[in-house]
Each structure stands twice: as C-alpha cells, then as structure tokens.
Amino acid sequence: MAYIDFAQPLPAAGDGALLSVIRERFRETVQGFSAAEWQIVRLAQTDGRASLREPGRWSRLKTLIFGPQPHFRLADGKLEALRRLAVEAWHEGFAVRPSAIDAFLKAGFSEGQLETLLSAVTAARHATMGKYA
C-alpha cells in the first residue's frame, strides 16, 4: 500500500488535473499503467456519467433528429473497463460501484492497479478542488 504524506502540499492543477505530476511524485505506486492507459484516465475526467449508460430511446431519437452523435465507448474491452472505472472515480472518488470494480478486475487489471487508479484520481480531484476553493 502506498504512503501519501499529507503534510506536504499536493501538486497544483493547471488546465485539468496533472496526473504526470502525481505520477512523478508517487512513482513507486503508479508503475502499473502504461502511458496510453494514463491518457485514458486523464481523458475520462471530461466524460460525464451519461457516457456509462447504454443508448436508450432518447439517444436514438436524438440520432434521428440531429444525426449521429459521438459515442464514448472504446473498441478495446480492457481499455473500456479502465475508462468506465476512471469516469466513476472522477465523479465519485473512492465510492465507485462494485460492478465497475468487478469489470475492471475481470478485464485483467490487478487490485494494486485499482488502488493506484483510485488514489491518483482522488488526489487529483482534491488538487483541483483546492484550486477553486
């Protein structure tokens, strides 16, 4: 388990949360993801909770009226599980749904990676919230 020294200030967030700063600061805890996976985590910050839902009647009606809308799903199942958990983490912190955690673990990620993801996103959320407080 990682140790975070809360006596030290967290890195400030510029335009969005700077996961690279957190990654450098807590290098030993974040070795479990590739650069592409960290990019997906960072981009998931801008995805809303609606990106987690299956398209329903309203989405199909909007498609008929306004044309095709961008979809948020990734083609790779493993990366999609990462994106879905990251979206929930950006919005809920550690209070993610157990089904999202199960999908994340079934996709081939480890519990260490789960802890790393949730810790990094939560730290970035707090750094961002401190900026606006």
N, C-alpha and C. Protein backbone atom coordinates (compact mmCIF):
# COMPACT_ATOMS: atom_id res chain seq x y z
N MET A 1 0.84 -1.17 0.00
CA MET A 1 0.00 0.00 0.00
C MET A 1 0.89 1.23 0.00
N ALA A 2 0.45 2.26 -0.70
CA ALA A 2 1.23 3.47 -0.86
C ALA A 2 1.08 4.38 0.35
N TYR A 3 2.09 5.18 0.57
CA TYR A 3 2.06 6.15 1.65
C TYR A 3 2.01 7.53 1.03
N ILE A 4 1.07 8.35 1.44
CA ILE A 4 0.98 9.72 0.97
C ILE A 4 1.20 10.63 2.17
N ASP A 5 2.18 11.50 2.06
CA ASP A 5 2.49 12.43 3.14
C ASP A 5 1.59 13.64 3.00
N PHE A 6 0.53 13.69 3.81
CA PHE A 6 -0.43 14.77 3.71
C PHE A 6 0.10 16.07 4.30
N ALA A 7 1.25 16.03 4.96
CA ALA A 7 1.86 17.26 5.47
C ALA A 7 2.42 18.09 4.32
N GLN A 8 2.75 17.43 3.20
CA GLN A 8 3.27 18.12 2.03
C GLN A 8 2.09 18.56 1.16
N PRO A 9 2.15 19.73 0.53
CA PRO A 9 1.04 20.16 -0.33
C PRO A 9 0.97 19.29 -1.58
N LEU A 10 -0.25 19.07 -2.03
CA LEU A 10 -0.44 18.33 -3.26
C LEU A 10 -0.07 19.22 -4.44
N PRO A 11 0.31 18.63 -5.56
CA PRO A 11 0.66 19.45 -6.72
C PRO A 11 -0.57 20.22 -7.21
N ALA A 12 -0.35 21.44 -7.61
CA ALA A 12 -1.45 22.27 -8.10
C ALA A 12 -1.85 21.81 -9.50
N ALA A 13 -3.11 21.94 -9.80
CA ALA A 13 -3.62 21.55 -11.11
C ALA A 13 -3.67 22.78 -12.01
N GLY A 14 -3.15 22.66 -13.20
CA GLY A 14 -3.22 23.75 -14.16
C GLY A 14 -4.48 23.60 -14.96
N ASP A 15 -4.35 23.26 -16.21
CA ASP A 15 -5.53 23.04 -17.03
C ASP A 15 -5.90 21.57 -16.91
N GLY A 16 -6.77 21.26 -15.98
CA GLY A 16 -7.14 19.88 -15.69
C GLY A 16 -6.18 19.33 -14.64
N ALA A 17 -6.42 18.13 -14.23
CA ALA A 17 -5.57 17.51 -13.21
C ALA A 17 -4.30 16.99 -13.89
N LEU A 18 -3.17 17.25 -13.27
CA LEU A 18 -1.90 16.86 -13.85
C LEU A 18 -1.46 15.52 -13.28
N LEU A 19 -1.92 14.46 -13.93
CA LEU A 19 -1.57 13.13 -13.46
C LEU A 19 -0.08 12.86 -13.62
N SER A 20 0.57 13.54 -14.56
CA SER A 20 2.00 13.33 -14.72
C SER A 20 2.77 13.83 -13.50
N VAL A 21 2.31 14.91 -12.89
CA VAL A 21 2.96 15.42 -11.68
C VAL A 21 2.77 14.43 -10.54
N ILE A 22 1.56 13.92 -10.42
CA ILE A 22 1.29 12.92 -9.39
C ILE A 22 2.10 11.67 -9.65
N ARG A 23 2.20 11.29 -10.92
CA ARG A 23 2.96 10.10 -11.28
C ARG A 23 4.42 10.26 -10.89
N GLU A 24 5.00 11.44 -11.09
CA GLU A 24 6.39 11.67 -10.72
C GLU A 24 6.56 11.69 -9.20
N ARG A 25 5.59 12.28 -8.52
CA ARG A 25 5.68 12.41 -7.07
C ARG A 25 5.55 11.07 -6.36
N PHE A 26 4.67 10.22 -6.86
CA PHE A 26 4.42 8.92 -6.24
C PHE A 26 4.79 7.80 -7.21
N ARG A 27 6.00 7.90 -7.75
CA ARG A 27 6.45 6.98 -8.82
C ARG A 27 6.30 5.51 -8.44
N GLU A 28 6.58 5.16 -7.21
CA GLU A 28 6.55 3.75 -6.83
C GLU A 28 5.14 3.17 -6.84
N THR A 29 4.12 4.01 -6.76
CA THR A 29 2.76 3.48 -6.71
C THR A 29 2.08 3.43 -8.06
N VAL A 30 2.59 4.12 -9.05
CA VAL A 30 1.88 4.23 -10.32
C VAL A 30 2.57 3.52 -11.47
N GLN A 31 3.44 2.61 -11.19
CA GLN A 31 4.16 1.90 -12.23
C GLN A 31 3.26 0.92 -12.98
N GLY A 32 2.05 0.67 -12.51
CA GLY A 32 1.21 -0.37 -13.07
C GLY A 32 0.47 -0.04 -14.34
N PHE A 33 0.52 1.19 -14.84
CA PHE A 33 -0.20 1.56 -16.05
C PHE A 33 0.76 2.07 -17.11
N SER A 34 0.41 1.85 -18.36
CA SER A 34 1.21 2.37 -19.46
C SER A 34 0.83 3.84 -19.69
N ALA A 35 1.59 4.51 -20.54
CA ALA A 35 1.30 5.91 -20.85
C ALA A 35 -0.06 6.05 -21.52
N ALA A 36 -0.42 5.11 -22.38
CA ALA A 36 -1.73 5.16 -23.05
C ALA A 36 -2.86 4.98 -22.05
N GLU A 37 -2.66 4.10 -21.07
CA GLU A 37 -3.69 3.89 -20.05
C GLU A 37 -3.85 5.14 -19.18
N TRP A 38 -2.73 5.80 -18.84
CA TRP A 38 -2.84 7.04 -18.07
C TRP A 38 -3.54 8.12 -18.89
N GLN A 39 -3.33 8.11 -20.20
CA GLN A 39 -4.01 9.07 -21.07
C GLN A 39 -5.51 8.86 -21.02
N ILE A 40 -5.94 7.61 -21.02
CA ILE A 40 -7.37 7.29 -20.94
C ILE A 40 -7.93 7.77 -19.60
N VAL A 41 -7.19 7.58 -18.53
CA VAL A 41 -7.64 8.05 -17.21
C VAL A 41 -7.79 9.56 -17.22
N ARG A 42 -6.83 10.26 -17.81
CA ARG A 42 -6.90 11.72 -17.86
C ARG A 42 -8.07 12.18 -18.71
N LEU A 43 -8.29 11.55 -19.85
CA LEU A 43 -9.40 11.94 -20.72
C LEU A 43 -10.76 11.60 -20.12
N ALA A 44 -10.80 10.60 -19.26
CA ALA A 44 -12.06 10.22 -18.61
C ALA A 44 -12.57 11.32 -17.69
N GLN A 45 -11.71 12.25 -17.32
CA GLN A 45 -12.11 13.36 -16.46
C GLN A 45 -13.18 14.20 -17.15
N THR A 46 -13.14 14.30 -18.46
CA THR A 46 -14.09 15.14 -19.19
C THR A 46 -15.36 14.39 -19.57
N ASP A 47 -15.38 13.07 -19.41
CA ASP A 47 -16.58 12.29 -19.73
C ASP A 47 -17.59 12.41 -18.60
N GLY A 48 -18.83 12.56 -18.97
CA GLY A 48 -19.90 12.63 -17.98
C GLY A 48 -20.39 11.23 -17.61
N ARG A 49 -21.23 11.19 -16.59
CA ARG A 49 -21.81 9.91 -16.18
C ARG A 49 -22.69 9.31 -17.27
N ALA A 50 -23.22 10.16 -18.14
CA ALA A 50 -24.08 9.68 -19.23
C ALA A 50 -23.31 8.76 -20.18
N SER A 51 -21.99 8.90 -20.22
CA SER A 51 -21.19 8.05 -21.11
C SER A 51 -21.16 6.60 -20.63
N LEU A 52 -21.61 6.36 -19.40
CA LEU A 52 -21.62 5.00 -18.86
C LEU A 52 -22.90 4.25 -19.19
N ARG A 53 -23.94 4.98 -19.60
CA ARG A 53 -25.23 4.35 -19.88
C ARG A 53 -25.30 3.83 -21.31
N GLU A 54 -26.09 2.78 -21.46
CA GLU A 54 -26.37 2.27 -22.80
C GLU A 54 -27.30 3.25 -23.52
N PRO A 55 -27.17 3.38 -24.84
CA PRO A 55 -28.07 4.28 -25.56
C PRO A 55 -29.52 3.82 -25.42
N GLY A 56 -30.40 4.71 -25.08
CA GLY A 56 -31.81 4.39 -24.91
C GLY A 56 -32.65 5.03 -26.00
N ARG A 57 -33.94 5.11 -25.74
CA ARG A 57 -34.86 5.68 -26.74
C ARG A 57 -34.51 7.13 -27.05
N TRP A 58 -34.24 7.90 -26.00
CA TRP A 58 -33.94 9.31 -26.20
C TRP A 58 -32.70 9.47 -27.09
N SER A 59 -31.68 8.68 -26.88
CA SER A 59 -30.46 8.75 -27.69
C SER A 59 -30.75 8.41 -29.15
N ARG A 60 -31.57 7.38 -29.35
CA ARG A 60 -31.92 7.02 -30.72
C ARG A 60 -32.74 8.11 -31.39
N LEU A 61 -33.64 8.74 -30.65
CA LEU A 61 -34.45 9.84 -31.21
C LEU A 61 -33.56 11.03 -31.55
N LYS A 62 -32.62 11.37 -30.67
CA LYS A 62 -31.70 12.46 -30.96
C LYS A 62 -30.86 12.15 -32.20
N THR A 63 -30.49 10.89 -32.39
CA THR A 63 -29.72 10.50 -33.56
C THR A 63 -30.55 10.70 -34.83
N LEU A 64 -31.83 10.34 -34.76
CA LEU A 64 -32.70 10.53 -35.92
C LEU A 64 -32.88 12.01 -36.25
N ILE A 65 -32.98 12.85 -35.22
CA ILE A 65 -33.22 14.28 -35.45
C ILE A 65 -31.95 15.03 -35.79
N PHE A 66 -30.91 14.83 -35.00
CA PHE A 66 -29.69 15.62 -35.13
C PHE A 66 -28.56 14.92 -35.87
N GLY A 67 -28.74 13.67 -36.21
CA GLY A 67 -27.68 12.93 -36.86
C GLY A 67 -26.83 12.17 -35.86
N PRO A 68 -25.84 11.46 -36.35
CA PRO A 68 -25.01 10.65 -35.46
C PRO A 68 -24.31 11.50 -34.41
N GLN A 69 -24.31 10.99 -33.20
CA GLN A 69 -23.66 11.65 -32.07
C GLN A 69 -22.38 10.88 -31.74
N PRO A 70 -21.38 11.57 -31.18
CA PRO A 70 -20.17 10.84 -30.80
C PRO A 70 -20.48 9.85 -29.68
N HIS A 71 -19.86 8.69 -29.74
CA HIS A 71 -20.03 7.72 -28.67
C HIS A 71 -18.75 7.66 -27.86
N PHE A 72 -18.89 7.21 -26.64
CA PHE A 72 -17.76 7.26 -25.72
C PHE A 72 -17.07 5.91 -25.56
N ARG A 73 -17.59 4.87 -26.14
CA ARG A 73 -17.03 3.54 -25.93
C ARG A 73 -15.72 3.35 -26.68
N LEU A 74 -14.81 2.66 -26.03
CA LEU A 74 -13.54 2.31 -26.67
C LEU A 74 -13.67 0.91 -27.27
N ALA A 75 -12.96 0.66 -28.34
CA ALA A 75 -13.07 -0.62 -29.02
C ALA A 75 -12.45 -1.76 -28.20
N ASP A 76 -11.40 -1.47 -27.48
CA ASP A 76 -10.73 -2.48 -26.67
C ASP A 76 -11.48 -2.64 -25.35
N GLY A 77 -11.90 -3.86 -25.03
CA GLY A 77 -12.66 -4.13 -23.81
C GLY A 77 -11.91 -3.80 -22.54
N LYS A 78 -10.61 -4.07 -22.53
CA LYS A 78 -9.80 -3.80 -21.34
C LYS A 78 -9.71 -2.29 -21.09
N LEU A 79 -9.47 -1.55 -22.16
CA LEU A 79 -9.37 -0.10 -22.01
C LEU A 79 -10.73 0.53 -21.70
N GLU A 80 -11.80 -0.06 -22.21
CA GLU A 80 -13.14 0.43 -21.88
C GLU A 80 -13.45 0.22 -20.41
N ALA A 81 -13.05 -0.90 -19.84
CA ALA A 81 -13.25 -1.14 -18.41
C ALA A 81 -12.46 -0.11 -17.60
N LEU A 82 -11.25 0.21 -18.04
CA LEU A 82 -10.44 1.24 -17.38
C LEU A 82 -11.13 2.60 -17.48
N ARG A 83 -11.63 2.95 -18.66
CA ARG A 83 -12.30 4.23 -18.86
C ARG A 83 -13.53 4.36 -17.97
N ARG A 84 -14.33 3.30 -17.93
CA ARG A 84 -15.57 3.33 -17.15
C ARG A 84 -15.27 3.51 -15.65
N LEU A 85 -14.28 2.80 -15.15
CA LEU A 85 -13.92 2.96 -13.74
C LEU A 85 -13.34 4.35 -13.49
N ALA A 86 -12.54 4.85 -14.43
CA ALA A 86 -11.96 6.19 -14.27
C ALA A 86 -13.04 7.28 -14.27
N VAL A 87 -14.05 7.14 -15.13
CA VAL A 87 -15.15 8.11 -15.15
C VAL A 87 -15.84 8.13 -13.79
N GLU A 88 -16.13 6.95 -13.26
CA GLU A 88 -16.77 6.89 -11.94
C GLU A 88 -15.86 7.47 -10.86
N ALA A 89 -14.57 7.19 -10.95
CA ALA A 89 -13.64 7.70 -9.93
C ALA A 89 -13.55 9.22 -9.99
N TRP A 90 -13.56 9.79 -11.20
CA TRP A 90 -13.50 11.24 -11.31
C TRP A 90 -14.75 11.89 -10.70
N HIS A 91 -15.88 11.21 -10.79
CA HIS A 91 -17.12 11.79 -10.28
C HIS A 91 -17.40 11.42 -8.82
N GLU A 92 -17.00 10.22 -8.41
CA GLU A 92 -17.37 9.71 -7.09
C GLU A 92 -16.21 9.49 -6.14
N GLY A 93 -14.98 9.59 -6.61
CA GLY A 93 -13.83 9.30 -5.75
C GLY A 93 -13.74 7.80 -5.49
N PHE A 94 -13.59 7.43 -4.23
CA PHE A 94 -13.49 6.02 -3.88
C PHE A 94 -14.84 5.31 -3.88
N ALA A 95 -15.92 6.02 -3.99
CA ALA A 95 -17.27 5.44 -3.91
C ALA A 95 -17.75 4.95 -5.27
N VAL A 96 -16.96 4.11 -5.91
CA VAL A 96 -17.36 3.56 -7.21
C VAL A 96 -18.20 2.31 -7.00
N ARG A 97 -19.00 1.99 -8.00
CA ARG A 97 -19.88 0.83 -7.90
C ARG A 97 -19.06 -0.47 -7.91
N PRO A 98 -19.48 -1.46 -7.13
CA PRO A 98 -18.78 -2.75 -7.14
C PRO A 98 -18.77 -3.41 -8.51
N SER A 99 -19.82 -3.20 -9.30
CA SER A 99 -19.85 -3.82 -10.64
C SER A 99 -18.76 -3.23 -11.53
N ALA A 100 -18.43 -1.95 -11.36
CA ALA A 100 -17.35 -1.35 -12.14
C ALA A 100 -16.00 -1.93 -11.71
N ILE A 101 -15.85 -2.16 -10.42
CA ILE A 101 -14.61 -2.77 -9.92
C ILE A 101 -14.48 -4.19 -10.44
N ASP A 102 -15.58 -4.96 -10.41
CA ASP A 102 -15.55 -6.33 -10.93
C ASP A 102 -15.17 -6.36 -12.41
N ALA A 103 -15.76 -5.46 -13.20
CA ALA A 103 -15.44 -5.41 -14.63
C ALA A 103 -13.98 -5.04 -14.84
N PHE A 104 -13.47 -4.14 -14.02
CA PHE A 104 -12.07 -3.72 -14.10
C PHE A 104 -11.13 -4.90 -13.81
N LEU A 105 -11.45 -5.64 -12.76
CA LEU A 105 -10.61 -6.80 -12.39
C LEU A 105 -10.74 -7.93 -13.41
N LYS A 106 -11.95 -8.16 -13.93
CA LYS A 106 -12.15 -9.20 -14.94
C LYS A 106 -11.46 -8.86 -16.25
N ALA A 107 -11.24 -7.58 -16.51
CA ALA A 107 -10.57 -7.16 -17.74
C ALA A 107 -9.07 -7.46 -17.70
N GLY A 108 -8.56 -7.84 -16.52
CA GLY A 108 -7.16 -8.21 -16.44
C GLY A 108 -6.31 -7.27 -15.60
N PHE A 109 -6.92 -6.28 -14.99
CA PHE A 109 -6.17 -5.39 -14.12
C PHE A 109 -6.07 -6.01 -12.73
N SER A 110 -5.10 -5.54 -11.96
CA SER A 110 -4.89 -6.09 -10.62
C SER A 110 -5.50 -5.18 -9.56
N GLU A 111 -5.56 -5.70 -8.34
CA GLU A 111 -6.06 -4.89 -7.22
C GLU A 111 -5.10 -3.74 -6.92
N GLY A 112 -3.82 -3.95 -7.14
CA GLY A 112 -2.85 -2.87 -6.96
C GLY A 112 -3.09 -1.73 -7.94
N GLN A 113 -3.42 -2.09 -9.18
CA GLN A 113 -3.73 -1.07 -10.17
C GLN A 113 -5.03 -0.34 -9.81
N LEU A 114 -5.98 -1.06 -9.25
CA LEU A 114 -7.23 -0.45 -8.79
C LEU A 114 -6.93 0.60 -7.72
N GLU A 115 -6.13 0.22 -6.75
CA GLU A 115 -5.77 1.14 -5.67
C GLU A 115 -4.99 2.34 -6.21
N THR A 116 -4.09 2.09 -7.14
CA THR A 116 -3.30 3.16 -7.74
C THR A 116 -4.20 4.14 -8.47
N LEU A 117 -5.12 3.61 -9.27
CA LEU A 117 -6.03 4.46 -10.03
C LEU A 117 -6.88 5.32 -9.11
N LEU A 118 -7.53 4.69 -8.14
CA LEU A 118 -8.41 5.44 -7.24
C LEU A 118 -7.64 6.47 -6.42
N SER A 119 -6.44 6.12 -5.97
CA SER A 119 -5.64 7.07 -5.19
C SER A 119 -5.19 8.25 -6.03
N ALA A 120 -4.73 7.99 -7.25
CA ALA A 120 -4.24 9.06 -8.12
C ALA A 120 -5.38 10.00 -8.52
N VAL A 121 -6.52 9.43 -8.87
CA VAL A 121 -7.66 10.26 -9.28
C VAL A 121 -8.18 11.07 -8.09
N THR A 122 -8.26 10.46 -6.93
CA THR A 122 -8.73 11.18 -5.75
C THR A 122 -7.78 12.31 -5.38
N ALA A 123 -6.48 12.07 -5.45
CA ALA A 123 -5.51 13.12 -5.18
C ALA A 123 -5.64 14.26 -6.20
N ALA A 124 -5.83 13.91 -7.47
CA ALA A 124 -6.00 14.92 -8.49
C ALA A 124 -7.30 15.71 -8.30
N ARG A 125 -8.36 15.01 -7.87
CA ARG A 125 -9.63 15.69 -7.58
C ARG A 125 -9.46 16.69 -6.46
N HIS A 126 -8.76 16.31 -5.40
CA HIS A 126 -8.55 17.22 -4.28
C HIS A 126 -7.67 18.40 -4.69
N ALA A 127 -6.69 18.17 -5.52
CA ALA A 127 -5.84 19.26 -6.00
C ALA A 127 -6.65 20.24 -6.84
N THR A 128 -7.55 19.71 -7.65
CA THR A 128 -8.41 20.56 -8.49
C THR A 128 -9.42 21.31 -7.63
N MET A 129 -10.01 20.64 -6.64
CA MET A 129 -10.99 21.30 -5.78
C MET A 129 -10.33 22.40 -4.95
N GLY A 130 -9.11 22.18 -4.51
CA GLY A 130 -8.40 23.18 -3.74
C GLY A 130 -8.15 24.44 -4.54
N LYS A 131 -8.00 24.27 -5.83
CA LYS A 131 -7.75 25.40 -6.72
C LYS A 131 -8.97 26.33 -6.77
N TYR A 132 -10.16 25.76 -6.68
CA TYR A 132 -11.38 26.55 -6.80
C TYR A 132 -11.97 26.93 -5.45
N ALA A 133 -11.40 26.46 -4.37
CA ALA A 133 -11.96 26.75 -3.05
C ALA A 133 -11.58 28.12 -2.55
